[in-house]
Amino acid sequence: MIYLPVSLLLFLVLILTLPFLWLIITIDVLRIAVAKLGFPPEVSLLILLAIVVGSTINIPLYEKVSRIAVVPDSLELWTTRFFGVFLCGRLNRKRSWL
């Protein structure tokens, strides 16, 4: 039987090694995928770095105009309605549909 201090230590070791295991498995899978695409395996780390850096950048491809009017004051929206249900304190106000 493993007692609490030892099991807690083993659990912490497991939690601390999981990111490294994930990284090793990710790099290995990426190397296999890059090799199947015909690139040398040394390029796989560069591709992984480019994917991680590129995922932080959001380049808009197009801009879509919305047909729904934007609420000028978001505080008014949240104090009058909650998921479409009108709140009790604001029932006497005139309803305005956007």
C-alpha atoms as a PDB file:
ATOM      1  CA  MET A   1       0.000   0.000   0.000  1.00  0.00           C
ATOM      2  CA  ILE A   2       1.337   3.454  -0.935  1.00  0.00           C
ATOM      3  CA  TYR A   3       0.808   6.063   1.760  1.00  0.00           C
ATOM      4  CA  LEU A   4      -0.232   9.679   1.257  1.00  0.00           C
ATOM      5  CA  PRO A   5       3.183  11.435   1.199  1.00  0.00           C
ATOM      6  CA  VAL A   6       4.569   9.011  -1.360  1.00  0.00           C
ATOM      7  CA  SER A   7       1.442   8.994  -3.517  1.00  0.00           C
ATOM      8  CA  LEU A   8       1.276  12.791  -3.398  1.00  0.00           C
ATOM      9  CA  LEU A   9       4.907  12.980  -4.511  1.00  0.00           C
ATOM     10  CA  LEU A  10       4.248  10.520  -7.348  1.00  0.00           C
ATOM     11  CA  PHE A  11       1.199  12.542  -8.407  1.00  0.00           C
ATOM     12  CA  LEU A  12       3.222  15.764  -8.498  1.00  0.00           C
ATOM     13  CA  VAL A  13       5.920  14.057 -10.563  1.00  0.00           C
ATOM     14  CA  LEU A  14       3.245  12.869 -12.986  1.00  0.00           C
ATOM     15  CA  ILE A  15       1.699  16.339 -13.253  1.00  0.00           C
ATOM     16  CA  LEU A  16       5.108  17.933 -13.839  1.00  0.00           C
ATOM     17  CA  THR A  17       6.130  15.420 -16.525  1.00  0.00           C
ATOM     18  CA  LEU A  18       2.871  15.572 -18.522  1.00  0.00           C
ATOM     19  CA  PRO A  19       3.759  18.791 -20.421  1.00  0.00           C
ATOM     20  CA  PHE A  20       7.116  17.329 -21.433  1.00  0.00           C
ATOM     21  CA  LEU A  21       5.494  14.092 -22.558  1.00  0.00           C
ATOM     22  CA  TRP A  22       2.933  16.085 -24.563  1.00  0.00           C
ATOM     23  CA  LEU A  23       5.704  18.102 -26.196  1.00  0.00           C
ATOM     24  CA  ILE A  24       7.724  14.996 -27.091  1.00  0.00           C
ATOM     25  CA  ILE A  25       4.678  13.245 -28.576  1.00  0.00           C
ATOM     26  CA  THR A  26       3.703  16.386 -30.508  1.00  0.00           C
ATOM     27  CA  ILE A  27       7.168  16.785 -31.986  1.00  0.00           C
ATOM     28  CA  ASP A  28       7.311  13.106 -32.909  1.00  0.00           C
ATOM     29  CA  VAL A  29       3.923  13.185 -34.635  1.00  0.00           C
ATOM     30  CA  LEU A  30       4.864  16.399 -36.431  1.00  0.00           C
ATOM     31  CA  ARG A  31       8.132  14.886 -37.663  1.00  0.00           C
ATOM     32  CA  ILE A  32       6.247  11.903 -39.093  1.00  0.00           C
ATOM     33  CA  ALA A  33       3.696  14.185 -40.780  1.00  0.00           C
ATOM     34  CA  VAL A  34       6.407  16.444 -42.223  1.00  0.00           C
ATOM     35  CA  ALA A  35       8.333  13.413 -43.500  1.00  0.00           C
ATOM     36  CA  LYS A  36       5.177  12.138 -45.239  1.00  0.00           C
ATOM     37  CA  LEU A  37       4.811  15.539 -46.914  1.00  0.00           C
ATOM     38  CA  GLY A  38       8.343  15.207 -48.264  1.00  0.00           C
ATOM     39  CA  PHE A  39      10.161  17.725 -46.075  1.00  0.00           C
ATOM     40  CA  PRO A  40      13.257  16.800 -44.094  1.00  0.00           C
ATOM     41  CA  PRO A  41      12.609  16.018 -40.401  1.00  0.00           C
ATOM     42  CA  GLU A  42      14.823  18.921 -39.304  1.00  0.00           C
ATOM     43  CA  VAL A  43      12.238  21.351 -40.667  1.00  0.00           C
ATOM     44  CA  SER A  44       9.536  20.010 -38.346  1.00  0.00           C
ATOM     45  CA  LEU A  45      10.593  22.148 -35.365  1.00  0.00           C
ATOM     46  CA  LEU A  46      10.581  25.234 -37.576  1.00  0.00           C
ATOM     47  CA  ILE A  47       7.087  24.348 -38.795  1.00  0.00           C
ATOM     48  CA  LEU A  48       5.895  23.789 -35.217  1.00  0.00           C
ATOM     49  CA  LEU A  49       7.309  27.163 -34.191  1.00  0.00           C
ATOM     50  CA  ALA A  50       5.657  28.838 -37.195  1.00  0.00           C
ATOM     51  CA  ILE A  51       2.314  27.227 -36.323  1.00  0.00           C
ATOM     52  CA  VAL A  52       2.485  28.389 -32.711  1.00  0.00           C
ATOM     53  CA  VAL A  53       3.558  31.936 -33.605  1.00  0.00           C
ATOM     54  CA  GLY A  54       1.118  32.139 -36.513  1.00  0.00           C
ATOM     55  CA  SER A  55      -1.821  31.048 -34.371  1.00  0.00           C
ATOM     56  CA  THR A  56      -1.352  34.113 -32.182  1.00  0.00           C
ATOM     57  CA  ILE A  57      -1.797  36.467 -35.141  1.00  0.00           C
ATOM     58  CA  ASN A  58      -5.334  37.032 -36.410  1.00  0.00           C
ATOM     59  CA  ILE A  59      -5.414  38.347 -39.960  1.00  0.00           C
ATOM     60  CA  PRO A  60      -8.960  39.280 -41.003  1.00  0.00           C
ATOM     61  CA  LEU A  61      -9.753  37.975 -44.455  1.00  0.00           C
ATOM     62  CA  TYR A  62     -12.916  39.996 -44.980  1.00  0.00           C
ATOM     63  CA  GLU A  63     -15.245  42.297 -43.123  1.00  0.00           C
ATOM     64  CA  LYS A  64     -18.933  41.548 -42.890  1.00  0.00           C
ATOM     65  CA  VAL A  65     -21.484  44.305 -42.338  1.00  0.00           C
ATOM     66  CA  SER A  66     -24.069  43.410 -39.727  1.00  0.00           C
ATOM     67  CA  ARG A  67     -27.753  44.071 -40.329  1.00  0.00           C
ATOM     68  CA  ILE A  68     -28.443  44.154 -36.592  1.00  0.00           C
ATOM     69  CA  ALA A  69     -28.055  47.523 -34.907  1.00  0.00           C
ATOM     70  CA  VAL A  70     -25.418  47.666 -32.214  1.00  0.00           C
ATOM     71  CA  VAL A  71     -26.617  48.693 -28.753  1.00  0.00           C
ATOM     72  CA  PRO A  72     -25.071  52.058 -27.924  1.00  0.00           C
ATOM     73  CA  ASP A  73     -24.903  51.343 -24.205  1.00  0.00           C
ATOM     74  CA  SER A  74     -24.214  47.763 -23.168  1.00  0.00           C
ATOM     75  CA  LEU A  75     -25.059  48.563 -19.545  1.00  0.00           C
ATOM     76  CA  GLU A  76     -28.598  49.434 -20.572  1.00  0.00           C
ATOM     77  CA  LEU A  77     -28.883  46.149 -22.441  1.00  0.00           C
ATOM     78  CA  TRP A  78     -27.815  44.063 -19.448  1.00  0.00           C
ATOM     79  CA  THR A  79     -29.966  45.981 -16.966  1.00  0.00           C
ATOM     80  CA  THR A  80     -33.145  45.672 -19.056  1.00  0.00           C
ATOM     81  CA  ARG A  81     -32.894  42.130 -20.397  1.00  0.00           C
ATOM     82  CA  PHE A  82     -31.231  38.945 -19.281  1.00  0.00           C
ATOM     83  CA  PHE A  83     -31.136  36.318 -22.038  1.00  0.00           C
ATOM     84  CA  GLY A  84     -34.243  37.864 -23.590  1.00  0.00           C
ATOM     85  CA  VAL A  85     -36.223  37.888 -20.339  1.00  0.00           C
ATOM     86  CA  PHE A  86     -37.112  41.387 -19.152  1.00  0.00           C
ATOM     87  CA  LEU A  87     -36.005  42.133 -15.608  1.00  0.00           C
ATOM     88  CA  CYS A  88     -38.591  43.158 -12.996  1.00  0.00           C
ATOM     89  CA  GLY A  89     -37.301  46.664 -12.279  1.00  0.00           C
ATOM     90  CA  ARG A  90     -37.450  47.702 -15.921  1.00  0.00           C
ATOM     91  CA  LEU A  91     -40.886  46.400 -16.973  1.00  0.00           C
ATOM     92  CA  ASN A  92     -42.514  49.857 -16.938  1.00  0.00           C
ATOM     93  CA  ARG A  93     -40.072  51.211 -19.510  1.00  0.00           C
ATOM     94  CA  LYS A  94     -41.007  51.402 -23.138  1.00  0.00           C
ATOM     95  CA  ARG A  95     -39.682  48.352 -24.984  1.00  0.00           C
ATOM     96  CA  SER A  96     -37.485  49.084 -27.931  1.00  0.00           C
ATOM     97  CA  TRP A  97     -36.693  46.269 -30.293  1.00  0.00           C
ATOM     98  CA  LEU A  98     -33.457  46.516 -32.183  1.00  0.00           C
END
